Amino acid sequence: MNGFTEYRKDYLWLGPGPLSIFLKNWKTGSQKMISTRRTFLTALASSLALPTMASLGNNSKSPLRLICIGTDLGMHPDSFIPKSTASSFELSPLLKPLKKHKEDLSFINGFNHVGMKGSHGGAHAWLSGVTKDKASSFQEGNITVDQKLVEELGYKTRYPSLEIGVGGQMSWTRNAVPLPTIDSPKLIFQKMFLKDDLNAKKQHKKLLAENRSILDEHLESFRKLKPKLDKTDSEHFEQYHTSVRELEKKIVQQQRWFDVPKPKTRYKLPSVSKAINELMPVLYDLIHLAVQTDSSRFITFSLGQTIRINELPGITKGYHDLSHHGKNPEKLKQLLSIENFFMEELAAFVEKMKQTKQTDGQSLFSSTQIIFGSGLGNASSHSSKNLPQVVMGGNILGGKFIQAKGQRPLCNLYTTLLQSHGLEIDKFGTSDGNINELVEG
């Protein structure tokens, strides 16, 4: 389907891949259907909501969204973390591009990921608090906060989530599977706005129908087997059964959106290179459009170690090399130039979100939580003890500087964010509480 058959292999299946692999050892010729499963699937399909569309005069309250923007190599702490008092904080050099938005942003400092050793390995655990090698020790594995939201609310949009960026592994499922990022503006644009090939669409529908039939037979076989299992195997069965039910939901979701026309846009996609000074503004444009058209409500934007930064003025070395500056003045100067560019682009994105109105009269910014941060506190020393974060938008209160008292988990932030989206949880990842003073209500 327009080059997207391999996109989002683990969660959003868009062609031959996970489901066909998962089911390859099962019969494909049976037409047997289980009425109770059909009832479930029909009910689930009928519960899927259409996106909010201005042309229909929908004035209901806009949905809450989450955008996570992260750098694999962190930010230079001395230039990023602001000086603060009990009631206010001064913008640091790297936060000055956000001066216009100071009253709308808050800064979180001193939080970390419990038990995380200092290395680049912590970068991929930014949104989960759990490294992939420790995932089996947690009930929900190393699922990231965006994918936790996807499990509960992702069915409401055409794309449960979007993983955009250059390198990095920011989003993970509960099965410890990283979701690949897309760095091609052309592919993202095609995905959101261009009609799918009709023949490919028909073939995709056929495959989904076949897989629904196989899942029905698959689950019936396991139901007959369950009474014979001991306690340990029964627990494993329940986990597996849950995974299969999730597959069912994904199939229904994809079928639901087949006949819903994609949104239209007047945006003219420019032709850009992989140079970050050309690529980053366009990727932000596409994230803005994804939110504006309600194509997805949960988006991650990853800035990995491999970004091409040499086209920025004065940059002569690679990003990774500069992040390990060892306090070398010339390297620090170049690194701060790169990080300042990141913040300028973030500020421009925030401004665009504020200027875009929704059908309820409020701005996109007012219903979109935005996090900017990293799972690495200091790349030069490989430290992950302090993971400073900028948070703003949606129901997040601005003007706050929240300093952790002692060693507190960054997952406390994610617990609060999940609760603010309506999830009835009291723990996420390694959390031991929340940061509820950060959000309204």
Protein backbone atom coordinates (compact mmCIF):
# COMPACT_ATOMS: atom_id res chain seq x y z
CA MET A 1 0.00 0.00 0.00
CA ASN A 2 2.04 2.88 -1.33
CA GLY A 3 5.21 1.53 0.24
CA PHE A 4 3.76 1.14 3.73
CA THR A 5 3.36 -2.63 3.92
CA GLU A 6 6.19 -2.80 6.46
CA TYR A 7 5.24 0.24 8.54
CA ARG A 8 4.45 -0.34 12.21
CA LYS A 9 4.97 -4.06 12.10
CA ASP A 10 4.03 -4.81 15.67
CA TYR A 11 0.92 -2.75 16.19
CA LEU A 12 -0.57 -1.36 13.01
CA TRP A 13 -0.36 -4.11 10.44
CA LEU A 14 -0.61 -2.70 6.91
CA GLY A 15 0.22 -5.72 4.81
CA PRO A 16 1.75 -9.19 4.90
CA GLY A 17 3.73 -9.34 8.12
CA PRO A 18 2.91 -9.88 11.80
CA LEU A 19 -0.50 -11.45 11.48
CA SER A 20 0.48 -13.71 8.61
CA ILE A 21 3.67 -14.72 10.47
CA PHE A 22 1.76 -15.19 13.71
CA LEU A 23 -0.79 -17.40 11.98
CA LYS A 24 1.42 -19.20 9.47
CA ASN A 25 1.17 -22.53 11.28
CA TRP A 26 -2.61 -22.47 11.35
CA LYS A 27 -5.09 -23.66 8.75
CA THR A 28 -6.18 -20.98 6.30
CA GLY A 29 -8.88 -22.82 4.43
CA SER A 30 -11.53 -23.07 7.10
CA GLN A 31 -14.59 -20.85 6.84
CA LYS A 32 -15.76 -21.70 10.34
CA MET A 33 -16.88 -18.67 12.33
CA ILE A 34 -17.83 -18.44 15.97
CA SER A 35 -20.93 -16.36 16.51
CA THR A 36 -19.84 -15.03 19.88
CA ARG A 37 -16.61 -13.74 18.35
CA ARG A 38 -18.58 -12.13 15.54
CA THR A 39 -20.83 -10.45 18.10
CA PHE A 40 -17.77 -9.08 19.88
CA LEU A 41 -16.18 -7.86 16.66
CA THR A 42 -19.38 -6.23 15.45
CA ALA A 43 -19.87 -4.43 18.75
CA LEU A 44 -16.28 -3.25 18.75
CA ALA A 45 -16.56 -1.96 15.19
CA SER A 46 -19.72 -0.02 16.00
CA SER A 47 -17.97 1.71 18.90
CA LEU A 48 -15.28 3.28 16.73
CA ALA A 49 -15.72 7.01 16.45
CA LEU A 50 -15.22 9.19 13.41
CA PRO A 51 -12.62 11.94 13.70
CA THR A 52 -13.77 15.44 14.56
CA MET A 53 -14.47 17.24 11.28
CA ALA A 54 -15.01 20.97 11.02
CA SER A 55 -17.18 20.56 7.90
CA LEU A 56 -19.77 18.72 10.00
CA GLY A 57 -20.01 21.55 12.50
CA ASN A 58 -18.85 19.40 15.40
CA ASN A 59 -18.42 21.71 18.38
CA SER A 60 -17.72 19.07 20.99
CA LYS A 61 -14.68 19.36 23.21
CA SER A 62 -11.48 18.48 21.42
CA PRO A 63 -9.71 15.25 22.46
CA LEU A 64 -6.54 15.29 24.51
CA ARG A 65 -3.36 14.30 22.64
CA LEU A 66 0.27 13.58 23.47
CA ILE A 67 3.41 14.40 21.49
CA CYS A 68 6.79 13.21 22.79
CA ILE A 69 9.89 14.78 21.26
CA GLY A 70 13.16 13.21 22.35
CA THR A 71 16.87 13.32 21.68
CA ASP A 72 18.95 10.17 22.04
CA LEU A 73 21.91 12.23 23.28
CA GLY A 74 20.12 14.44 25.80
CA MET A 75 20.80 18.16 26.17
CA HIS A 76 23.82 19.91 27.69
CA PRO A 77 22.67 20.13 31.34
CA ASP A 78 24.39 23.39 32.30
CA SER A 79 22.81 25.16 29.33
CA PHE A 80 19.42 23.43 29.51
CA ILE A 81 18.39 23.31 33.18
CA PRO A 82 17.09 26.70 34.35
CA LYS A 83 17.94 28.42 37.61
CA SER A 84 14.98 28.38 39.91
CA THR A 85 13.52 29.62 43.16
CA ALA A 86 10.63 28.20 45.14
CA SER A 87 8.09 30.06 42.99
CA SER A 88 9.69 30.72 39.60
CA PHE A 89 12.54 29.95 37.24
CA GLU A 90 14.72 31.82 34.80
CA LEU A 91 15.01 30.60 31.25
CA SER A 92 18.31 28.87 30.60
CA PRO A 93 20.29 29.68 27.43
CA LEU A 94 18.76 26.73 25.59
CA LEU A 95 15.24 27.60 26.74
CA LYS A 96 15.41 31.21 25.53
CA PRO A 97 13.91 30.35 22.11
CA LEU A 98 10.78 29.45 24.12
CA LYS A 99 10.66 32.84 25.84
CA LYS A 100 7.33 33.74 24.24
CA HIS A 101 5.84 30.55 25.69
CA LYS A 102 7.40 30.64 29.14
CA GLU A 103 4.09 31.02 30.98
CA ASP A 104 2.77 27.91 29.25
CA LEU A 105 5.68 25.56 29.93
CA SER A 106 6.93 23.83 33.04
CA PHE A 107 10.27 22.22 33.77
CA ILE A 108 10.83 18.94 35.59
CA ASN A 109 14.23 18.31 37.13
CA GLY A 110 15.96 15.68 39.24
CA PHE A 111 13.82 12.71 38.19
CA ASN A 112 15.44 9.56 36.82
CA HIS A 113 14.85 5.98 35.82
CA VAL A 114 15.25 3.69 38.80
CA GLY A 115 18.27 1.40 38.63
CA MET A 116 19.32 2.67 35.22
CA LYS A 117 23.04 2.43 34.59
CA GLY A 118 24.73 5.30 32.81
CA SER A 119 24.98 4.45 29.11
CA HIS A 120 23.34 5.07 25.77
CA GLY A 121 21.14 2.09 26.55
CA GLY A 122 18.95 4.28 28.72
CA ALA A 123 17.93 6.43 25.76
CA HIS A 124 15.49 3.85 24.43
CA ALA A 125 13.89 3.61 27.88
CA TRP A 126 13.00 7.31 28.02
CA LEU A 127 9.23 6.79 27.76
CA SER A 128 9.05 3.53 29.68
CA GLY A 129 11.62 3.61 32.46
CA VAL A 130 12.50 0.01 31.59
CA THR A 131 15.32 -1.18 29.35
CA LYS A 132 14.57 -3.95 26.87
CA ASP A 133 16.72 -6.46 28.76
CA LYS A 134 14.64 -5.90 31.92
CA ALA A 135 11.25 -5.97 30.19
CA SER A 136 10.41 -9.52 31.25
CA SER A 137 10.58 -8.46 34.90
CA PHE A 138 7.61 -6.09 34.50
CA GLN A 139 3.99 -7.05 34.00
CA GLU A 140 3.65 -4.68 31.05
CA GLY A 141 7.18 -5.16 29.79
CA ASN A 142 8.88 -2.00 28.58
CA ILE A 143 5.77 -0.52 27.01
CA THR A 144 6.15 3.23 26.50
CA VAL A 145 3.66 5.82 27.68
CA ASP A 146 2.46 6.56 24.14
CA GLN A 147 1.78 2.88 23.44
CA LYS A 148 -0.04 2.48 26.74
CA LEU A 149 -2.36 5.22 25.54
CA VAL A 150 -2.63 3.50 22.18
CA GLU A 151 -3.83 0.29 23.82
CA GLU A 152 -6.68 2.14 25.50
CA LEU A 153 -7.52 4.95 23.07
CA GLY A 154 -5.72 4.33 19.80
CA TYR A 155 -8.77 2.90 18.05
CA LYS A 156 -10.34 6.37 17.83
CA THR A 157 -8.12 7.54 14.96
CA ARG A 158 -7.00 6.13 11.63
CA TYR A 159 -3.47 5.69 12.96
CA PRO A 160 -3.28 4.69 16.64
CA SER A 161 0.10 6.39 16.80
CA LEU A 162 2.78 7.81 14.54
CA GLU A 163 6.48 7.21 15.04
CA ILE A 164 8.38 9.95 13.24
CA GLY A 165 12.05 10.77 13.38
CA VAL A 166 15.61 10.13 12.36
CA GLY A 167 16.93 7.01 14.06
CA GLY A 168 16.34 6.09 17.66
CA GLN A 169 13.94 3.58 19.22
CA MET A 170 11.51 5.67 21.20
CA SER A 171 8.27 3.65 21.12
CA TRP A 172 8.00 0.09 22.41
CA THR A 173 5.12 -2.34 22.83
CA ARG A 174 4.52 -4.45 25.91
CA ASN A 175 6.15 -7.34 24.03
CA ALA A 176 9.50 -5.51 23.93
CA VAL A 177 9.17 -4.75 20.23
CA PRO A 178 10.52 -1.37 19.06
CA LEU A 179 8.38 0.51 16.55
CA PRO A 180 10.43 1.84 13.64
CA THR A 181 10.43 5.54 12.89
CA ILE A 182 9.69 7.10 9.50
CA ASP A 183 11.98 9.92 8.40
CA SER A 184 10.60 10.36 4.88
CA PRO A 185 8.23 13.34 4.57
CA LYS A 186 6.96 11.91 1.30
CA LEU A 187 5.93 8.61 2.86
CA ILE A 188 4.28 10.30 5.83
CA PHE A 189 2.37 12.64 3.53
CA GLN A 190 1.24 9.75 1.32
CA LYS A 191 0.12 7.85 4.37
CA MET A 192 -2.03 10.65 5.71
CA PHE A 193 -3.48 12.19 2.56
CA LEU A 194 -3.13 10.14 -0.63
CA LYS A 195 -5.64 7.50 -1.68
CA ASP A 196 -4.47 3.92 -1.43
CA ASP A 197 -4.16 1.81 -4.56
CA LEU A 198 -7.55 0.15 -5.18
CA ASN A 199 -6.19 -3.31 -5.96
CA ALA A 200 -3.88 -3.26 -2.94
CA LYS A 201 -6.82 -2.14 -0.83
CA LYS A 202 -8.97 -5.06 -2.01
CA GLN A 203 -6.16 -7.51 -1.34
CA HIS A 204 -5.65 -6.06 2.11
CA LYS A 205 -9.35 -6.44 2.92
CA LYS A 206 -9.21 -10.06 1.80
CA LEU A 207 -6.19 -10.79 3.97
CA LEU A 208 -7.81 -9.20 6.99
CA ALA A 209 -10.98 -11.23 6.50
CA GLU A 210 -8.93 -14.43 6.27
CA ASN A 211 -7.02 -13.59 9.42
CA ARG A 212 -10.24 -12.90 11.33
CA SER A 213 -11.41 -16.40 10.41
CA ILE A 214 -8.12 -17.94 11.50
CA LEU A 215 -8.17 -16.08 14.81
CA ASP A 216 -11.67 -17.41 15.51
CA GLU A 217 -10.54 -20.98 14.99
CA HIS A 218 -7.33 -20.34 16.88
CA LEU A 219 -9.11 -19.06 19.99
CA GLU A 220 -11.68 -21.85 19.94
CA SER A 221 -8.87 -24.42 19.98
CA PHE A 222 -7.27 -22.73 22.97
CA ARG A 223 -10.58 -22.54 24.82
CA LYS A 224 -10.87 -26.32 24.57
CA LEU A 225 -7.27 -26.68 25.79
CA LYS A 226 -7.52 -24.33 28.77
CA PRO A 227 -9.20 -26.77 31.26
CA LYS A 228 -6.21 -29.10 30.86
CA LEU A 229 -3.63 -26.49 31.85
CA ASP A 230 -1.99 -26.12 35.26
CA LYS A 231 -1.81 -22.78 37.08
CA THR A 232 1.45 -21.63 35.48
CA ASP A 233 0.35 -22.55 31.97
CA SER A 234 -3.03 -20.95 32.58
CA GLU A 235 -1.32 -17.66 33.41
CA HIS A 236 0.71 -17.90 30.21
CA PHE A 237 -2.50 -18.71 28.35
CA GLU A 238 -4.22 -15.61 29.67
CA GLN A 239 -1.31 -13.43 28.55
CA TYR A 240 -1.43 -15.04 25.13
CA HIS A 241 -5.19 -14.74 24.95
CA THR A 242 -4.90 -11.03 25.71
CA SER A 243 -2.41 -10.63 22.87
CA VAL A 244 -4.75 -12.36 20.44
CA ARG A 245 -7.64 -10.16 21.52
CA GLU A 246 -5.44 -7.16 20.80
CA LEU A 247 -4.88 -8.53 17.32
CA GLU A 248 -8.63 -8.74 16.88
CA LYS A 249 -9.00 -5.10 17.81
CA LYS A 250 -6.35 -4.12 15.27
CA ILE A 251 -8.11 -6.03 12.51
CA VAL A 252 -11.44 -4.38 13.31
CA GLN A 253 -9.80 -0.98 13.48
CA GLN A 254 -8.23 -1.33 10.06
CA GLN A 255 -11.48 -2.53 8.54
CA ARG A 256 -13.33 0.41 10.05
CA TRP A 257 -11.08 2.97 8.33
CA PHE A 258 -11.05 1.36 4.88
CA ASP A 259 -14.14 3.23 3.76
CA VAL A 260 -13.52 6.51 5.59
CA PRO A 261 -12.00 9.00 3.12
CA LYS A 262 -8.63 10.43 4.06
CA PRO A 263 -8.60 14.13 4.93
CA LYS A 264 -7.67 16.76 2.37
CA THR A 265 -4.96 19.37 2.79
CA ARG A 266 -3.69 22.43 0.96
CA TYR A 267 -0.21 21.84 2.28
CA LYS A 268 2.37 21.60 -0.49
CA LEU A 269 5.06 19.15 0.51
CA PRO A 270 8.48 20.61 -0.24
CA SER A 271 11.36 18.53 -1.56
CA VAL A 272 14.02 18.35 1.15
CA SER A 273 17.26 16.47 1.80
CA LYS A 274 18.10 14.46 4.91
CA ALA A 275 19.96 17.45 6.35
CA ILE A 276 18.33 18.22 9.70
CA ASN A 277 17.97 21.95 8.97
CA GLU A 278 15.77 21.03 5.97
CA LEU A 279 14.13 17.89 7.31
CA MET A 280 13.14 18.91 10.83
CA PRO A 281 10.82 21.83 9.93
CA VAL A 282 8.94 19.66 7.43
CA LEU A 283 8.55 16.79 9.90
CA TYR A 284 7.11 19.27 12.39
CA ASP A 285 4.71 20.47 9.68
CA LEU A 286 3.52 16.91 9.18
CA ILE A 287 3.09 16.33 12.92
CA HIS A 288 1.01 19.50 13.04
CA LEU A 289 -1.14 18.24 10.15
CA ALA A 290 -1.57 14.83 11.80
CA VAL A 291 -2.97 16.54 14.90
CA GLN A 292 -5.03 19.06 12.95
CA THR A 293 -6.73 16.33 10.88
CA ASP A 294 -7.04 14.02 13.89
CA SER A 295 -5.18 11.33 11.96
CA SER A 296 -3.42 10.35 15.18
CA ARG A 297 -3.45 11.56 18.77
CA PHE A 298 -0.25 9.94 20.01
CA ILE A 299 2.94 10.91 18.20
CA THR A 300 6.62 10.46 18.94
CA PHE A 301 9.41 12.41 17.25
CA SER A 302 12.86 10.94 17.67
CA LEU A 303 16.16 12.72 17.12
CA GLY A 304 18.67 9.89 17.02
CA GLN A 305 22.44 9.84 16.94
CA THR A 306 22.53 9.60 13.15
CA ILE A 307 20.91 12.92 12.28
CA ARG A 308 22.75 14.83 9.55
CA ILE A 309 23.81 18.11 11.14
CA ASN A 310 26.84 19.19 9.12
CA GLU A 311 24.77 21.58 7.00
CA LEU A 312 24.09 23.74 10.06
CA PRO A 313 26.37 26.81 10.13
CA GLY A 314 29.69 26.22 11.88
CA ILE A 315 29.24 22.46 12.39
CA THR A 316 32.27 20.43 11.36
CA LYS A 317 31.88 17.23 13.40
CA GLY A 318 29.24 14.57 13.91
CA TYR A 319 26.44 14.87 16.46
CA HIS A 320 27.56 11.89 18.56
CA ASP A 321 31.16 13.10 18.59
CA LEU A 322 30.12 16.57 19.73
CA SER A 323 27.87 15.20 22.48
CA HIS A 324 30.98 13.59 24.00
CA HIS A 325 32.68 16.95 24.20
CA GLY A 326 34.77 16.34 27.31
CA LYS A 327 34.32 20.07 28.02
CA ASN A 328 36.30 20.93 24.88
CA PRO A 329 35.29 24.58 24.16
CA GLU A 330 35.06 24.20 20.37
CA LYS A 331 33.01 21.00 20.61
CA LEU A 332 30.73 22.57 23.21
CA LYS A 333 30.18 25.59 20.99
CA GLN A 334 29.11 23.38 18.09
CA LEU A 335 26.94 21.15 20.29
CA LEU A 336 25.08 24.12 21.74
CA SER A 337 24.50 25.45 18.24
CA ILE A 338 22.80 22.16 17.33
CA GLU A 339 20.74 22.06 20.51
CA ASN A 340 19.72 25.69 20.10
CA PHE A 341 18.45 24.79 16.63
CA PHE A 342 16.35 22.01 18.20
CA MET A 343 14.78 24.51 20.59
CA GLU A 344 14.13 27.10 17.88
CA GLU A 345 12.28 24.50 15.83
CA LEU A 346 10.32 23.40 18.91
CA ALA A 347 9.34 27.03 19.56
CA ALA A 348 8.16 27.44 15.97
CA PHE A 349 6.08 24.27 16.27
CA VAL A 350 4.50 25.42 19.52
CA GLU A 351 3.63 28.76 17.92
CA LYS A 352 1.96 27.01 14.98
CA MET A 353 -0.04 24.81 17.36
CA LYS A 354 -1.20 27.91 19.22
CA GLN A 355 -2.24 29.68 16.03
CA THR A 356 -4.32 26.76 14.73
CA LYS A 357 -7.91 26.77 15.94
CA GLN A 358 -10.14 23.73 16.35
CA THR A 359 -13.89 23.40 15.90
CA ASP A 360 -14.43 24.21 19.59
CA GLY A 361 -12.64 27.53 19.14
CA GLN A 362 -9.60 26.47 21.16
CA SER A 363 -6.09 26.08 19.78
CA LEU A 364 -4.45 22.76 19.01
CA PHE A 365 -1.94 23.60 21.73
CA SER A 366 -4.70 23.75 24.32
CA SER A 367 -5.55 20.08 23.80
CA THR A 368 -2.08 18.69 23.05
CA GLN A 369 0.40 17.71 25.73
CA ILE A 370 3.99 18.16 24.53
CA ILE A 371 7.07 16.67 26.18
CA PHE A 372 10.62 17.49 25.15
CA GLY A 373 13.38 15.51 26.81
CA SER A 374 15.58 12.45 26.75
CA GLY A 375 16.44 9.21 28.49
CA LEU A 376 20.03 10.41 28.77
CA GLY A 377 20.84 13.20 31.19
CA ASN A 378 24.42 13.92 30.11
CA ALA A 379 25.82 12.26 26.99
CA SER A 380 29.39 13.38 27.70
CA SER A 381 29.51 11.41 30.96
CA HIS A 382 26.88 8.81 29.95
CA SER A 383 24.83 9.83 32.98
CA SER A 384 21.15 9.04 33.32
CA LYS A 385 20.77 10.16 36.94
CA ASN A 386 18.93 13.37 36.13
CA LEU A 387 16.54 13.47 33.18
CA PRO A 388 15.27 17.05 32.79
CA GLN A 389 12.06 17.50 30.79
CA VAL A 390 10.13 20.41 29.30
CA VAL A 391 6.37 19.86 29.45
CA MET A 392 3.59 22.06 28.12
CA GLY A 393 0.21 22.17 26.38
CA GLY A 394 -3.11 20.46 26.92
CA ASN A 395 -4.06 20.33 30.59
CA ILE A 396 -0.46 20.83 31.75
CA LEU A 397 -0.04 23.86 33.99
CA GLY A 398 2.66 26.30 32.95
CA GLY A 399 5.17 28.34 34.90
CA LYS A 400 6.20 25.53 37.25
CA PHE A 401 9.66 24.23 38.12
CA ILE A 402 9.27 20.86 39.78
CA GLN A 403 12.38 19.57 41.52
CA ALA A 404 12.42 15.96 42.64
CA LYS A 405 13.02 15.41 46.32
CA GLY A 406 15.50 12.58 46.49
CA GLN A 407 15.67 9.85 43.87
CA ARG A 408 12.24 9.91 42.23
CA PRO A 409 11.20 8.00 39.10
CA LEU A 410 10.48 9.91 35.90
CA CYS A 411 7.68 7.39 35.40
CA ASN A 412 5.74 9.41 38.00
CA LEU A 413 5.27 11.95 35.20
CA TYR A 414 3.92 9.28 32.87
CA THR A 415 1.52 8.03 35.52
CA THR A 416 0.10 11.54 35.79
CA LEU A 417 -0.17 11.91 32.02
CA LEU A 418 -1.95 8.56 31.65
CA GLN A 419 -4.38 9.45 34.42
CA SER A 420 -5.08 12.81 32.76
CA HIS A 421 -6.19 10.90 29.64
CA GLY A 422 -8.70 8.99 31.73
CA LEU A 423 -6.78 5.77 32.38
CA GLU A 424 -7.60 4.38 35.81
CA ILE A 425 -4.11 3.39 36.91
CA ASP A 426 -1.94 4.18 39.92
CA LYS A 427 1.36 2.86 38.57
CA PHE A 428 3.31 2.83 35.33
CA GLY A 429 6.74 1.31 34.79
CA THR A 430 8.92 2.10 37.80
CA SER A 431 6.69 4.85 39.22
CA ASP A 432 6.18 5.23 42.96
CA GLY A 433 3.65 8.05 42.80
CA ASN A 434 2.66 10.88 40.50
CA ILE A 435 3.24 14.56 39.75
CA ASN A 436 -0.39 15.62 39.83
CA GLU A 437 0.47 19.23 40.70
CA LEU A 438 1.51 19.50 37.07
CA VAL A 439 -1.97 19.16 35.58
CA GLU A 440 -5.30 20.95 35.92
CA GLY A 441 -7.97 19.44 38.11
